[in-house]
């Protein structure tokens, strides 16, 4: 379970991708602006501001998702540790619960299905 991908490295890769995309968008805006008349300068500045806001929002979302991923990973480790200790302290109960769960699942999956009446 410890060999899962590190959420912070995923976040860094995502942030690099966002920065690359942002740079490409800024370059495209600058190229379009250079070819256009000076009257479009305000629109160009507005487009730059919009790209900057989108980039900031993507960074914020990536950071929030990374933080939640780390929290979930820690919770998974705690639950795994807790479950291991309970199974080790009560092995017969754990086997009994596993058998009962298997029987219930088998019964549920193999029960006859009702077909709706065609009439």
PDB file of N, CA and C in Angstrom:
ATOM      1  N   UNK A   1       0.813  -1.188   0.000  1.00  0.00           N
ATOM      2  CA  UNK A   1       0.000   0.000   0.000  1.00  0.00           C
ATOM      3  C   UNK A   1       0.856   1.252   0.000  1.00  0.00           C
ATOM      4  N   UNK A   2       2.130   1.083   0.389  1.00  0.00           N
ATOM      5  CA  UNK A   2       3.009   2.228   0.403  1.00  0.00           C
ATOM      6  C   UNK A   2       3.568   2.542  -0.975  1.00  0.00           C
ATOM      7  N   UNK A   3       3.344   1.646  -1.966  1.00  0.00           N
ATOM      8  CA  UNK A   3       3.890   1.879  -3.290  1.00  0.00           C
ATOM      9  C   UNK A   3       2.949   2.686  -4.172  1.00  0.00           C
ATOM     10  N   UNK A   4       1.937   3.295  -3.578  1.00  0.00           N
ATOM     11  CA  UNK A   4       1.026   4.148  -4.345  1.00  0.00           C
ATOM     12  C   UNK A   4       1.758   5.404  -4.779  1.00  0.00           C
ATOM     13  N   UNK A   5       1.300   5.998  -5.835  1.00  0.00           N
ATOM     14  CA  UNK A   5       1.924   7.201  -6.354  1.00  0.00           C
ATOM     15  C   UNK A   5       1.781   8.324  -5.347  1.00  0.00           C
ATOM     16  N   UNK A   6       2.848   9.065  -5.169  1.00  0.00           N
ATOM     17  CA  UNK A   6       2.864  10.181  -4.228  1.00  0.00           C
ATOM     18  C   UNK A   6       1.973  11.293  -4.757  1.00  0.00           C
ATOM     19  N   UNK A   7       0.932  11.697  -3.994  1.00  0.00           N
ATOM     20  CA  UNK A   7       0.009  12.729  -4.487  1.00  0.00           C
ATOM     21  C   UNK A   7       0.698  14.054  -4.769  1.00  0.00           C
ATOM     22  N   UNK A   8       1.765  14.395  -4.016  1.00  0.00           N
ATOM     23  CA  UNK A   8       2.414  15.681  -4.241  1.00  0.00           C
ATOM     24  C   UNK A   8       3.167  15.691  -5.563  1.00  0.00           C
ATOM     25  N   UNK A   9       3.715  14.536  -5.997  1.00  0.00           N
ATOM     26  CA  UNK A   9       4.391  14.516  -7.293  1.00  0.00           C
ATOM     27  C   UNK A   9       3.382  14.656  -8.417  1.00  0.00           C
ATOM     28  N   UNK A  10       2.182  14.076  -8.261  1.00  0.00           N
ATOM     29  CA  UNK A  10       1.125  14.259  -9.252  1.00  0.00           C
ATOM     30  C   UNK A  10       0.734  15.729  -9.330  1.00  0.00           C
ATOM     31  N   UNK A  11       0.657  16.380  -8.175  1.00  0.00           N
ATOM     32  CA  UNK A  11       0.291  17.794  -8.124  1.00  0.00           C
ATOM     33  C   UNK A  11       1.346  18.633  -8.834  1.00  0.00           C
ATOM     34  N   UNK A  12       2.630  18.316  -8.612  1.00  0.00           N
ATOM     35  CA  UNK A  12       3.694  19.073  -9.267  1.00  0.00           C
ATOM     36  C   UNK A  12       3.628  18.905 -10.783  1.00  0.00           C
ATOM     37  N   UNK A  13       3.389  17.687 -11.236  1.00  0.00           N
ATOM     38  CA  UNK A  13       3.286  17.447 -12.677  1.00  0.00           C
ATOM     39  C   UNK A  13       2.088  18.201 -13.253  1.00  0.00           C
ATOM     40  N   UNK A  14       0.974  18.191 -12.540  1.00  0.00           N
ATOM     41  CA  UNK A  14      -0.209  18.911 -13.004  1.00  0.00           C
ATOM     42  C   UNK A  14       0.085  20.404 -13.073  1.00  0.00           C
ATOM     43  N   UNK A  15       0.742  20.941 -12.046  1.00  0.00           N
ATOM     44  CA  UNK A  15       1.061  22.369 -12.031  1.00  0.00           C
ATOM     45  C   UNK A  15       1.994  22.738 -13.183  1.00  0.00           C
ATOM     46  N   UNK A  16       2.960  21.864 -13.491  1.00  0.00           N
ATOM     47  CA  UNK A  16       3.850  22.137 -14.632  1.00  0.00           C
ATOM     48  C   UNK A  16       3.047  22.158 -15.927  1.00  0.00           C
ATOM     49  N   UNK A  17       2.107  21.232 -16.051  1.00  0.00           N
ATOM     50  CA  UNK A  17       1.263  21.197 -17.245  1.00  0.00           C
ATOM     51  C   UNK A  17       0.415  22.447 -17.376  1.00  0.00           C
ATOM     52  N   UNK A  18      -0.133  22.903 -16.257  1.00  0.00           N
ATOM     53  CA  UNK A  18      -0.945  24.125 -16.265  1.00  0.00           C
ATOM     54  C   UNK A  18      -0.081  25.317 -16.652  1.00  0.00           C
ATOM     55  N   UNK A  19       1.130  25.382 -16.102  1.00  0.00           N
ATOM     56  CA  UNK A  19       2.021  26.496 -16.435  1.00  0.00           C
ATOM     57  C   UNK A  19       2.403  26.480 -17.916  1.00  0.00           C
ATOM     58  N   UNK A  20       2.656  25.293 -18.458  1.00  0.00           N
ATOM     59  CA  UNK A  20       2.995  25.185 -19.875  1.00  0.00           C
ATOM     60  C   UNK A  20       1.823  25.640 -20.736  1.00  0.00           C
ATOM     61  N   UNK A  21       0.618  25.173 -20.395  1.00  0.00           N
ATOM     62  CA  UNK A  21      -0.565  25.569 -21.158  1.00  0.00           C
ATOM     63  C   UNK A  21      -0.795  27.068 -21.040  1.00  0.00           C
ATOM     64  N   UNK A  22      -0.588  27.603 -19.857  1.00  0.00           N
ATOM     65  CA  UNK A  22      -0.762  29.040 -19.642  1.00  0.00           C
ATOM     66  C   UNK A  22       0.225  29.834 -20.491  1.00  0.00           C
ATOM     67  N   UNK A  23       1.471  29.402 -20.520  1.00  0.00           N
ATOM     68  CA  UNK A  23       2.482  30.081 -21.335  1.00  0.00           C
ATOM     69  C   UNK A  23       2.128  30.035 -22.806  1.00  0.00           C
ATOM     70  N   UNK A  24       1.624  28.876 -23.261  1.00  0.00           N
ATOM     71  CA  UNK A  24       1.219  28.755 -24.666  1.00  0.00           C
ATOM     72  C   UNK A  24       0.071  29.694 -24.985  1.00  0.00           C
ATOM     73  N   UNK A  25      -0.886  29.797 -24.083  1.00  0.00           N
ATOM     74  CA  UNK A  25      -2.026  30.694 -24.317  1.00  0.00           C
ATOM     75  C   UNK A  25      -1.563  32.143 -24.344  1.00  0.00           C
ATOM     76  N   UNK A  26      -0.669  32.528 -23.420  1.00  0.00           N
ATOM     77  CA  UNK A  26      -0.152  33.896 -23.415  1.00  0.00           C
ATOM     78  C   UNK A  26       0.578  34.199 -24.720  1.00  0.00           C
ATOM     79  N   UNK A  27       1.375  33.235 -25.206  1.00  0.00           N
ATOM     80  CA  UNK A  27       2.114  33.450 -26.452  1.00  0.00           C
ATOM     81  C   UNK A  27       1.158  33.615 -27.634  1.00  0.00           C
ATOM     82  N   UNK A  28       0.102  32.788 -27.686  1.00  0.00           N
ATOM     83  CA  UNK A  28      -0.881  32.908 -28.766  1.00  0.00           C
ATOM     84  C   UNK A  28      -1.587  34.257 -28.709  1.00  0.00           C
ATOM     85  N   UNK A  29      -1.899  34.717 -27.490  1.00  0.00           N
ATOM     86  CA  UNK A  29      -2.555  36.024 -27.336  1.00  0.00           C
ATOM     87  C   UNK A  29      -1.627  37.131 -27.814  1.00  0.00           C
ATOM     88  N   UNK A  30      -0.332  37.044 -27.446  1.00  0.00           N
ATOM     89  CA  UNK A  30       0.633  38.060 -27.874  1.00  0.00           C
ATOM     90  C   UNK A  30       0.788  38.079 -29.391  1.00  0.00           C
ATOM     91  N   UNK A  31       0.827  36.898 -30.012  1.00  0.00           N
ATOM     92  CA  UNK A  31       0.940  36.828 -31.477  1.00  0.00           C
ATOM     93  C   UNK A  31      -0.272  37.455 -32.153  1.00  0.00           C
ATOM     94  N   UNK A  32      -1.454  37.164 -31.629  1.00  0.00           N
ATOM     95  CA  UNK A  32      -2.673  37.742 -32.198  1.00  0.00           C
ATOM     96  C   UNK A  32      -2.693  39.254 -31.988  1.00  0.00           C
ATOM     97  N   UNK A  33      -2.204  39.690 -30.834  1.00  0.00           N
ATOM     98  CA  UNK A  33      -2.185  41.116 -30.525  1.00  0.00           C
ATOM     99  C   UNK A  33      -1.228  41.870 -31.441  1.00  0.00           C
ATOM    100  N   UNK A  34      -0.081  41.263 -31.734  1.00  0.00           N
ATOM    101  CA  UNK A  34       0.901  41.929 -32.595  1.00  0.00           C
ATOM    102  C   UNK A  34       0.363  42.099 -34.008  1.00  0.00           C
ATOM    103  N   UNK A  35      -0.456  41.156 -34.443  1.00  0.00           N
ATOM    104  CA  UNK A  35      -1.009  41.231 -35.793  1.00  0.00           C
ATOM    105  C   UNK A  35      -2.218  42.156 -35.868  1.00  0.00           C
ATOM    106  N   UNK A  36      -2.823  42.478 -34.750  1.00  0.00           N
ATOM    107  CA  UNK A  36      -4.048  43.279 -34.738  1.00  0.00           C
ATOM    108  C   UNK A  36      -3.724  44.758 -34.522  1.00  0.00           C
ATOM    109  N   UNK A  37      -4.740  45.562 -34.653  1.00  0.00           N
ATOM    110  CA  UNK A  37      -4.572  47.003 -34.472  1.00  0.00           C
ATOM    111  C   UNK A  37      -4.465  47.333 -32.985  1.00  0.00           C
ATOM    112  N   UNK A  38      -3.940  48.514 -32.674  1.00  0.00           N
ATOM    113  CA  UNK A  38      -3.800  48.924 -31.272  1.00  0.00           C
ATOM    114  C   UNK A  38      -5.132  49.018 -30.523  1.00  0.00           C
ATOM    115  N   UNK A  39      -6.229  49.104 -31.249  1.00  0.00           N
ATOM    116  CA  UNK A  39      -7.537  49.190 -30.589  1.00  0.00           C
ATOM    117  C   UNK A  39      -7.855  47.902 -29.843  1.00  0.00           C
ATOM    118  N   UNK A  40      -7.198  46.821 -30.205  1.00  0.00           N
ATOM    119  CA  UNK A  40      -7.456  45.539 -29.556  1.00  0.00           C
ATOM    120  C   UNK A  40      -6.585  45.307 -28.319  1.00  0.00           C
ATOM    121  N   UNK A  41      -5.747  46.280 -27.969  1.00  0.00           N
ATOM    122  CA  UNK A  41      -4.874  46.120 -26.803  1.00  0.00           C
ATOM    123  C   UNK A  41      -5.665  45.853 -25.521  1.00  0.00           C
ATOM    124  N   UNK A  42      -6.778  46.535 -25.348  1.00  0.00           N
ATOM    125  CA  UNK A  42      -7.575  46.339 -24.141  1.00  0.00           C
ATOM    126  C   UNK A  42      -8.142  44.919 -24.105  1.00  0.00           C
ATOM    127  N   UNK A  43      -8.590  44.446 -25.253  1.00  0.00           N
ATOM    128  CA  UNK A  43      -9.114  43.075 -25.313  1.00  0.00           C
ATOM    129  C   UNK A  43      -7.999  42.075 -25.024  1.00  0.00           C
ATOM    130  N   UNK A  44      -6.795  42.370 -25.511  1.00  0.00           N
ATOM    131  CA  UNK A  44      -5.652  41.495 -25.273  1.00  0.00           C
ATOM    132  C   UNK A  44      -5.319  41.447 -23.787  1.00  0.00           C
ATOM    133  N   UNK A  45      -5.307  42.605 -23.158  1.00  0.00           N
ATOM    134  CA  UNK A  45      -5.038  42.649 -21.713  1.00  0.00           C
ATOM    135  C   UNK A  45      -6.105  41.893 -20.930  1.00  0.00           C
ATOM    136  N   UNK A  46      -7.335  42.037 -21.347  1.00  0.00           N
ATOM    137  CA  UNK A  46      -8.429  41.312 -20.701  1.00  0.00           C
ATOM    138  C   UNK A  46      -8.254  39.802 -20.872  1.00  0.00           C
ATOM    139  N   UNK A  47      -7.824  39.387 -22.066  1.00  0.00           N
ATOM    140  CA  UNK A  47      -7.588  37.960 -22.307  1.00  0.00           C
ATOM    141  C   UNK A  47      -6.449  37.451 -21.433  1.00  0.00           C
ATOM    142  N   UNK A  48      -5.390  38.238 -21.285  1.00  0.00           N
ATOM    143  CA  UNK A  48      -4.287  37.857 -20.396  1.00  0.00           C
ATOM    144  C   UNK A  48      -4.775  37.701 -18.951  1.00  0.00           C
ATOM    145  N   UNK A  49      -5.584  38.650 -18.514  1.00  0.00           N
ATOM    146  CA  UNK A  49      -6.107  38.575 -17.144  1.00  0.00           C
ATOM    147  C   UNK A  49      -6.974  37.331 -16.958  1.00  0.00           C
ATOM    148  N   UNK A  50      -7.761  37.011 -17.968  1.00  0.00           N
ATOM    149  CA  UNK A  50      -8.612  35.818 -17.890  1.00  0.00           C
ATOM    150  C   UNK A  50      -7.764  34.557 -17.805  1.00  0.00           C
ATOM    151  N   UNK A  51      -6.712  34.473 -18.626  1.00  0.00           N
ATOM    152  CA  UNK A  51      -5.820  33.309 -18.577  1.00  0.00           C
ATOM    153  C   UNK A  51      -5.155  33.208 -17.209  1.00  0.00           C
ATOM    154  N   UNK A  52      -4.728  34.340 -16.671  1.00  0.00           N
ATOM    155  CA  UNK A  52      -4.105  34.331 -15.340  1.00  0.00           C
ATOM    156  C   UNK A  52      -5.076  33.840 -14.273  1.00  0.00           C
ATOM    157  N   UNK A  53      -6.324  34.273 -14.345  1.00  0.00           N
ATOM    158  CA  UNK A  53      -7.325  33.823 -13.371  1.00  0.00           C
ATOM    159  C   UNK A  53      -7.586  32.335 -13.511  1.00  0.00           C
ATOM    160  N   UNK A  54      -7.656  31.850 -14.773  1.00  0.00           N
ATOM    161  CA  UNK A  54      -7.871  30.425 -14.992  1.00  0.00           C
ATOM    162  C   UNK A  54      -6.695  29.613 -14.448  1.00  0.00           C
ATOM    163  N   UNK A  55      -5.485  30.100 -14.652  1.00  0.00           N
ATOM    164  CA  UNK A  55      -4.295  29.415 -14.158  1.00  0.00           C
ATOM    165  C   UNK A  55      -4.300  29.370 -12.636  1.00  0.00           C
ATOM    166  N   UNK A  56      -4.616  30.492 -12.011  1.00  0.00           N
ATOM    167  CA  UNK A  56      -4.683  30.524 -10.547  1.00  0.00           C
ATOM    168  C   UNK A  56      -5.740  29.558 -10.027  1.00  0.00           C
ATOM    169  N   UNK A  57      -6.884  29.518 -10.686  1.00  0.00           N
ATOM    170  CA  UNK A  57      -7.943  28.602 -10.270  1.00  0.00           C
ATOM    171  C   UNK A  57      -7.526  27.146 -10.419  1.00  0.00           C
ATOM    172  N   UNK A  58      -6.825  26.832 -11.511  1.00  0.00           N
ATOM    173  CA  UNK A  58      -6.366  25.456 -11.712  1.00  0.00           C
ATOM    174  C   UNK A  58      -5.331  25.075 -10.659  1.00  0.00           C
ATOM    175  N   UNK A  59      -4.434  25.999 -10.322  1.00  0.00           N
ATOM    176  CA  UNK A  59      -3.449  25.722  -9.267  1.00  0.00           C
ATOM    177  C   UNK A  59      -4.141  25.502  -7.923  1.00  0.00           C
ATOM    178  N   UNK A  60      -5.108  26.336  -7.621  1.00  0.00           N
ATOM    179  CA  UNK A  60      -5.838  26.192  -6.358  1.00  0.00           C
ATOM    180  C   UNK A  60      -6.548  24.842  -6.297  1.00  0.00           C
ATOM    181  N   UNK A  61      -7.210  24.467  -7.401  1.00  0.00           N
ATOM    182  CA  UNK A  61      -7.918  23.180  -7.436  1.00  0.00           C
ATOM    183  C   UNK A  61      -6.940  22.021  -7.303  1.00  0.00           C
ATOM    184  N   UNK A  62      -5.799  22.101  -7.972  1.00  0.00           N
ATOM    185  CA  UNK A  62      -4.805  21.027  -7.888  1.00  0.00           C
ATOM    186  C   UNK A  62      -4.278  20.895  -6.464  1.00  0.00           C
ATOM    187  N   UNK A  63      -4.033  22.015  -5.806  1.00  0.00           N
ATOM    188  CA  UNK A  63      -3.556  21.969  -4.419  1.00  0.00           C
ATOM    189  C   UNK A  63      -4.608  21.365  -3.498  1.00  0.00           C
ATOM    190  N   UNK A  64      -5.865  21.747  -3.691  1.00  0.00           N
ATOM    191  CA  UNK A  64      -6.939  21.215  -2.849  1.00  0.00           C
ATOM    192  C   UNK A  64      -7.103  19.715  -3.061  1.00  0.00           C
ATOM    193  N   UNK A  65      -7.051  19.275  -4.319  1.00  0.00           N
ATOM    194  CA  UNK A  65      -7.188  17.847  -4.618  1.00  0.00           C
ATOM    195  C   UNK A  65      -6.007  17.077  -4.046  1.00  0.00           C
ATOM    196  N   UNK A  66      -4.807  17.633  -4.157  1.00  0.00           N
ATOM    197  CA  UNK A  66      -3.624  16.974  -3.611  1.00  0.00           C
ATOM    198  C   UNK A  66      -3.735  16.831  -2.099  1.00  0.00           C
ATOM    199  N   UNK A  67      -4.207  17.878  -1.444  1.00  0.00           N
ATOM    200  CA  UNK A  67      -4.374  17.843   0.016  1.00  0.00           C
ATOM    201  C   UNK A  67      -5.389  16.771   0.416  1.00  0.00           C
ATOM    202  N   UNK A  68      -6.512  16.725  -0.293  1.00  0.00           N
ATOM    203  CA  UNK A  68      -7.525  15.699   0.007  1.00  0.00           C
ATOM    204  C   UNK A  68      -6.983  14.301  -0.265  1.00  0.00           C
ATOM    205  N   UNK A  69      -6.185  14.163  -1.322  1.00  0.00           N
ATOM    206  CA  UNK A  69      -5.583  12.868  -1.632  1.00  0.00           C
ATOM    207  C   UNK A  69      -4.665  12.400  -0.520  1.00  0.00           C
ATOM    208  N   UNK A  70      -3.884  13.321   0.030  1.00  0.00           N
ATOM    209  CA  UNK A  70      -3.006  12.983   1.148  1.00  0.00           C
ATOM    210  C   UNK A  70      -3.835  12.579   2.376  1.00  0.00           C
ATOM    211  N   UNK A  71      -4.926  13.296   2.624  1.00  0.00           N
ATOM    212  CA  UNK A  71      -5.793  12.947   3.751  1.00  0.00           C
ATOM    213  C   UNK A  71      -6.391  11.557   3.567  1.00  0.00           C
ATOM    214  N   UNK A  72      -6.854  11.246   2.356  1.00  0.00           N
ATOM    215  CA  UNK A  72      -7.428   9.925   2.090  1.00  0.00           C
ATOM    216  C   UNK A  72      -6.380   8.832   2.221  1.00  0.00           C
ATOM    217  N   UNK A  73      -5.164   9.102   1.776  1.00  0.00           N
ATOM    218  CA  UNK A  73      -4.095   8.126   1.893  1.00  0.00           C
ATOM    219  C   UNK A  73      -3.794   7.839   3.368  1.00  0.00           C
ATOM    220  N   UNK A  74      -3.734   8.881   4.183  1.00  0.00           N
ATOM    221  CA  UNK A  74      -3.498   8.700   5.620  1.00  0.00           C
ATOM    222  C   UNK A  74      -4.641   7.934   6.273  1.00  0.00           C
ATOM    223  N   UNK A  75      -5.880   8.233   5.885  1.00  0.00           N
ATOM    224  CA  UNK A  75      -7.031   7.522   6.423  1.00  0.00           C
ATOM    225  C   UNK A  75      -6.983   6.051   6.040  1.00  0.00           C
ATOM    226  N   UNK A  76      -6.588   5.768   4.803  1.00  0.00           N
ATOM    227  CA  UNK A  76      -6.472   4.377   4.357  1.00  0.00           C
ATOM    228  C   UNK A  76      -5.432   3.638   5.195  1.00  0.00           C
ATOM    229  N   UNK A  77      -4.309   4.262   5.458  1.00  0.00           N
ATOM    230  CA  UNK A  77      -3.281   3.624   6.269  1.00  0.00           C
ATOM    231  C   UNK A  77      -3.778   3.368   7.689  1.00  0.00           C
ATOM    232  N   UNK A  78      -4.502   4.313   8.276  1.00  0.00           N
ATOM    233  CA  UNK A  78      -5.034   4.133   9.626  1.00  0.00           C
ATOM    234  C   UNK A  78      -6.044   2.991   9.661  1.00  0.00           C
ATOM    235  N   UNK A  79      -6.939   2.949   8.676  1.00  0.00           N
ATOM    236  CA  UNK A  79      -7.942   1.884   8.641  1.00  0.00           C
ATOM    237  C   UNK A  79      -7.299   0.517   8.437  1.00  0.00           C
ATOM    238  N   UNK A  80      -6.288   0.450   7.599  1.00  0.00           N
ATOM    239  CA  UNK A  80      -5.588  -0.814   7.369  1.00  0.00           C
ATOM    240  C   UNK A  80      -4.909  -1.287   8.647  1.00  0.00           C
ATOM    241  N   UNK A  81      -4.255  -0.391   9.336  1.00  0.00           N
ATOM    242  CA  UNK A  81      -3.577  -0.735  10.589  1.00  0.00           C
ATOM    243  C   UNK A  81      -4.592  -1.192  11.640  1.00  0.00           C
ATOM    244  N   UNK A  82      -5.710  -0.497  11.748  1.00  0.00           N
ATOM    245  CA  UNK A  82      -6.748  -0.842  12.710  1.00  0.00           C
ATOM    246  C   UNK A  82      -7.354  -2.205  12.391  1.00  0.00           C
ATOM    247  N   UNK A  83      -7.628  -2.447  11.107  1.00  0.00           N
ATOM    248  CA  UNK A  83      -8.220  -3.728  10.705  1.00  0.00           C
ATOM    249  C   UNK A  83      -7.256  -4.874  10.982  1.00  0.00           C
ATOM    250  N   UNK A  84      -5.981  -4.684  10.679  1.00  0.00           N
ATOM    251  CA  UNK A  84      -4.982  -5.729  10.950  1.00  0.00           C
ATOM    252  C   UNK A  84      -4.957  -6.087  12.426  1.00  0.00           C
ATOM    253  N   UNK A  85      -4.961  -5.082  13.280  1.00  0.00           N
ATOM    254  CA  UNK A  85      -4.880  -5.370  14.722  1.00  0.00           C
ATOM    255  C   UNK A  85      -6.129  -6.079  15.215  1.00  0.00           C
ATOM    256  N   UNK A  86      -7.297  -5.721  14.671  1.00  0.00           N
ATOM    257  CA  UNK A  86      -8.527  -6.395  15.088  1.00  0.00           C
ATOM    258  C   UNK A  86      -8.566  -7.841  14.610  1.00  0.00           C
ATOM    259  N   UNK A  87      -8.098  -8.090  13.386  1.00  0.00           N
ATOM    260  CA  UNK A  87      -8.072  -9.453  12.874  1.00  0.00           C
ATOM    261  C   UNK A  87      -7.080 -10.291  13.671  1.00  0.00           C
ATOM    262  N   UNK A  88      -5.943  -9.719  14.019  1.00  0.00           N
ATOM    263  CA  UNK A  88      -4.942 -10.455  14.801  1.00  0.00           C
ATOM    264  C   UNK A  88      -5.432 -10.755  16.212  1.00  0.00           C
ATOM    265  N   UNK A  89      -6.219  -9.869  16.777  1.00  0.00           N
ATOM    266  CA  UNK A  89      -6.704 -10.104  18.141  1.00  0.00           C
ATOM    267  C   UNK A  89      -7.911 -11.042  18.162  1.00  0.00           C
ATOM    268  N   UNK A  90      -8.675 -11.127  17.080  1.00  0.00           N
ATOM    269  CA  UNK A  90      -9.858 -12.002  17.003  1.00  0.00           C
ATOM    270  C   UNK A  90      -9.882 -12.753  15.672  1.00  0.00           C
ATOM    271  N   UNK A  91      -8.975 -13.716  15.469  1.00  0.00           N
ATOM    272  CA  UNK A  91      -8.912 -14.369  14.163  1.00  0.00           C
ATOM    273  C   UNK A  91     -10.156 -15.207  13.848  1.00  0.00           C
ATOM    274  N   UNK A  92     -10.738 -15.870  14.828  1.00  0.00           N
ATOM    275  CA  UNK A  92     -11.925 -16.689  14.569  1.00  0.00           C
ATOM    276  C   UNK A  92     -13.120 -15.824  14.189  1.00  0.00           C
ATOM    277  N   UNK A  93     -13.276 -14.706  14.856  1.00  0.00           N
ATOM    278  CA  UNK A  93     -14.357 -13.786  14.516  1.00  0.00           C
ATOM    279  C   UNK A  93     -14.174 -13.264  13.086  1.00  0.00           C
ATOM    280  N   UNK A  94     -12.942 -12.942  12.708  1.00  0.00           N
ATOM    281  CA  UNK A  94     -12.674 -12.442  11.361  1.00  0.00           C
ATOM    282  C   UNK A  94     -13.013 -13.499  10.312  1.00  0.00           C
ATOM    283  N   UNK A  95     -12.644 -14.751  10.585  1.00  0.00           N
ATOM    284  CA  UNK A  95     -12.964 -15.831   9.637  1.00  0.00           C
ATOM    285  C   UNK A  95     -14.472 -16.015   9.555  1.00  0.00           C
ATOM    286  N   UNK A  96     -15.155 -16.001  10.700  1.00  0.00           N
ATOM    287  CA  UNK A  96     -16.606 -16.147  10.718  1.00  0.00           C
ATOM    288  C   UNK A  96     -17.305 -15.051   9.936  1.00  0.00           C
ATOM    289  N   UNK A  97     -16.860 -13.821  10.112  1.00  0.00           N
ATOM    290  CA  UNK A  97     -17.458 -12.707   9.376  1.00  0.00           C
ATOM    291  C   UNK A  97     -17.196 -12.830   7.875  1.00  0.00           C
ATOM    292  N   UNK A  98     -16.009 -13.274   7.509  1.00  0.00           N
ATOM    293  CA  UNK A  98     -15.690 -13.442   6.086  1.00  0.00           C
ATOM    294  C   UNK A  98     -16.566 -14.533   5.462  1.00  0.00           C
ATOM    295  N   UNK A  99     -16.751 -15.646   6.176  1.00  0.00           N
ATOM    296  CA  UNK A  99     -17.590 -16.729   5.660  1.00  0.00           C
ATOM    297  C   UNK A  99     -19.044 -16.267   5.551  1.00  0.00           C
ATOM    298  N   UNK A 100     -19.546 -15.596   6.578  1.00  0.00           N
ATOM    299  CA  UNK A 100     -20.926 -15.107   6.549  1.00  0.00           C
ATOM    300  C   UNK A 100     -21.122 -14.105   5.405  1.00  0.00           C
ATOM    301  N   UNK A 101     -20.164 -13.213   5.224  1.00  0.00           N
ATOM    302  CA  UNK A 101     -20.254 -12.251   4.123  1.00  0.00           C
ATOM    303  C   UNK A 101     -20.226 -12.946   2.779  1.00  0.00           C
ATOM    304  N   UNK A 102     -19.389 -13.957   2.638  1.00  0.00           N
ATOM    305  CA  UNK A 102     -19.333 -14.710   1.394  1.00  0.00           C
ATOM    306  C   UNK A 102     -20.631 -15.439   1.109  1.00  0.00           C
ATOM    307  N   UNK A 103     -21.237 -16.026   2.147  1.00  0.00           N
ATOM    308  CA  UNK A 103     -22.510 -16.720   1.960  1.00  0.00           C
ATOM    309  C   UNK A 103     -23.620 -15.748   1.548  1.00  0.00           C
ATOM    310  N   UNK A 104     -23.677 -14.609   2.211  1.00  0.00           N
ATOM    311  CA  UNK A 104     -24.693 -13.611   1.851  1.00  0.00           C
ATOM    312  C   UNK A 104     -24.504 -13.104   0.426  1.00  0.00           C
ATOM    313  N   UNK A 105     -23.266 -12.834   0.061  1.00  0.00           N
ATOM    314  CA  UNK A 105     -22.988 -12.362  -1.292  1.00  0.00           C
ATOM    315  C   UNK A 105     -23.345 -13.432  -2.318  1.00  0.00           C
ATOM    316  N   UNK A 106     -23.002 -14.667  -2.034  1.00  0.00           N
ATOM    317  CA  UNK A 106     -23.336 -15.768  -2.936  1.00  0.00           C
ATOM    318  C   UNK A 106     -24.848 -15.911  -3.088  1.00  0.00           C
ATOM    319  N   UNK A 107     -25.570 -15.840  -1.969  1.00  0.00           N
ATOM    320  CA  UNK A 107     -27.037 -15.947  -2.023  1.00  0.00           C
ATOM    321  C   UNK A 107     -27.624 -14.806  -2.845  1.00  0.00           C
ATOM    322  N   UNK A 108     -27.119 -13.602  -2.626  1.00  0.00           N
ATOM    323  CA  UNK A 108     -27.649 -12.431  -3.318  1.00  0.00           C
ATOM    324  C   UNK A 108     -27.383 -12.503  -4.823  1.00  0.00           C
ATOM    325  N   UNK A 109     -26.193 -12.953  -5.209  1.00  0.00           N
ATOM    326  CA  UNK A 109     -25.850 -13.014  -6.631  1.00  0.00           C
ATOM    327  C   UNK A 109     -26.518 -14.178  -7.355  1.00  0.00           C
ATOM    328  N   UNK A 110     -26.860 -15.243  -6.635  1.00  0.00           N
ATOM    329  CA  UNK A 110     -27.421 -16.433  -7.284  1.00  0.00           C
ATOM    330  C   UNK A 110     -28.936 -16.558  -7.128  1.00  0.00           C
ATOM    331  N   UNK A 111     -29.587 -15.590  -6.538  1.00  0.00           N
ATOM    332  CA  UNK A 111     -31.043 -15.681  -6.382  1.00  0.00           C
ATOM    333  C   UNK A 111     -31.721 -15.518  -7.741  1.00  0.00           C
ATOM    334  N   UNK A 112     -32.867 -16.155  -7.904  1.00  0.00           N
ATOM    335  CA  UNK A 112     -33.564 -16.039  -9.194  1.00  0.00           C
ATOM    336  C   UNK A 112     -34.062 -14.602  -9.421  1.00  0.00           C
ATOM    337  N   UNK A 113     -33.967 -14.170 -10.624  1.00  0.00           N
ATOM    338  CA  UNK A 113     -34.402 -12.822 -10.974  1.00  0.00           C
ATOM    339  C   UNK A 113     -35.863 -12.868 -11.423  1.00  0.00           C
ATOM    340  N   UNK A 114     -36.626 -11.899 -10.982  1.00  0.00           N
ATOM    341  CA  UNK A 114     -38.010 -11.797 -11.425  1.00  0.00           C
ATOM    342  C   UNK A 114     -38.059 -11.107 -12.768  1.00  0.00           C
ATOM    343  N   UNK A 115     -38.840 -11.671 -13.661  1.00  0.00           N
ATOM    344  CA  UNK A 115     -39.002 -11.046 -14.968  1.00  0.00           C
ATOM    345  C   UNK A 115     -40.340 -10.332 -14.997  1.00  0.00           C
ATOM    346  N   UNK A 116     -40.375  -9.143 -15.540  1.00  0.00           N
ATOM    347  CA  UNK A 116     -41.661  -8.448 -15.616  1.00  0.00           C
ATOM    348  C   UNK A 116     -42.624  -9.201 -16.539  1.00  0.00           C
ATOM    349  N   UNK A 117     -43.871  -9.200 -16.146  1.00  0.00           N
ATOM    350  CA  UNK A 117     -44.895  -9.884 -16.957  1.00  0.00           C
ATOM    351  C   UNK A 117     -45.018  -9.189 -18.305  1.00  0.00           C
ATOM    352  N   UNK A 118     -45.125 -10.014 -19.359  1.00  0.00           N
ATOM    353  CA  UNK A 118     -45.214  -9.490 -20.712  1.00  0.00           C
ATOM    354  C   UNK A 118     -46.636  -9.032 -21.050  1.00  0.00           C
ATOM    355  N   UNK A 119     -47.606  -9.421 -20.231  1.00  0.00           N
ATOM    356  CA  UNK A 119     -48.991  -9.064 -20.563  1.00  0.00           C
ATOM    357  C   UNK A 119     -49.410  -7.747 -20.024  1.00  0.00           C
TER     358      UNK A 119
END
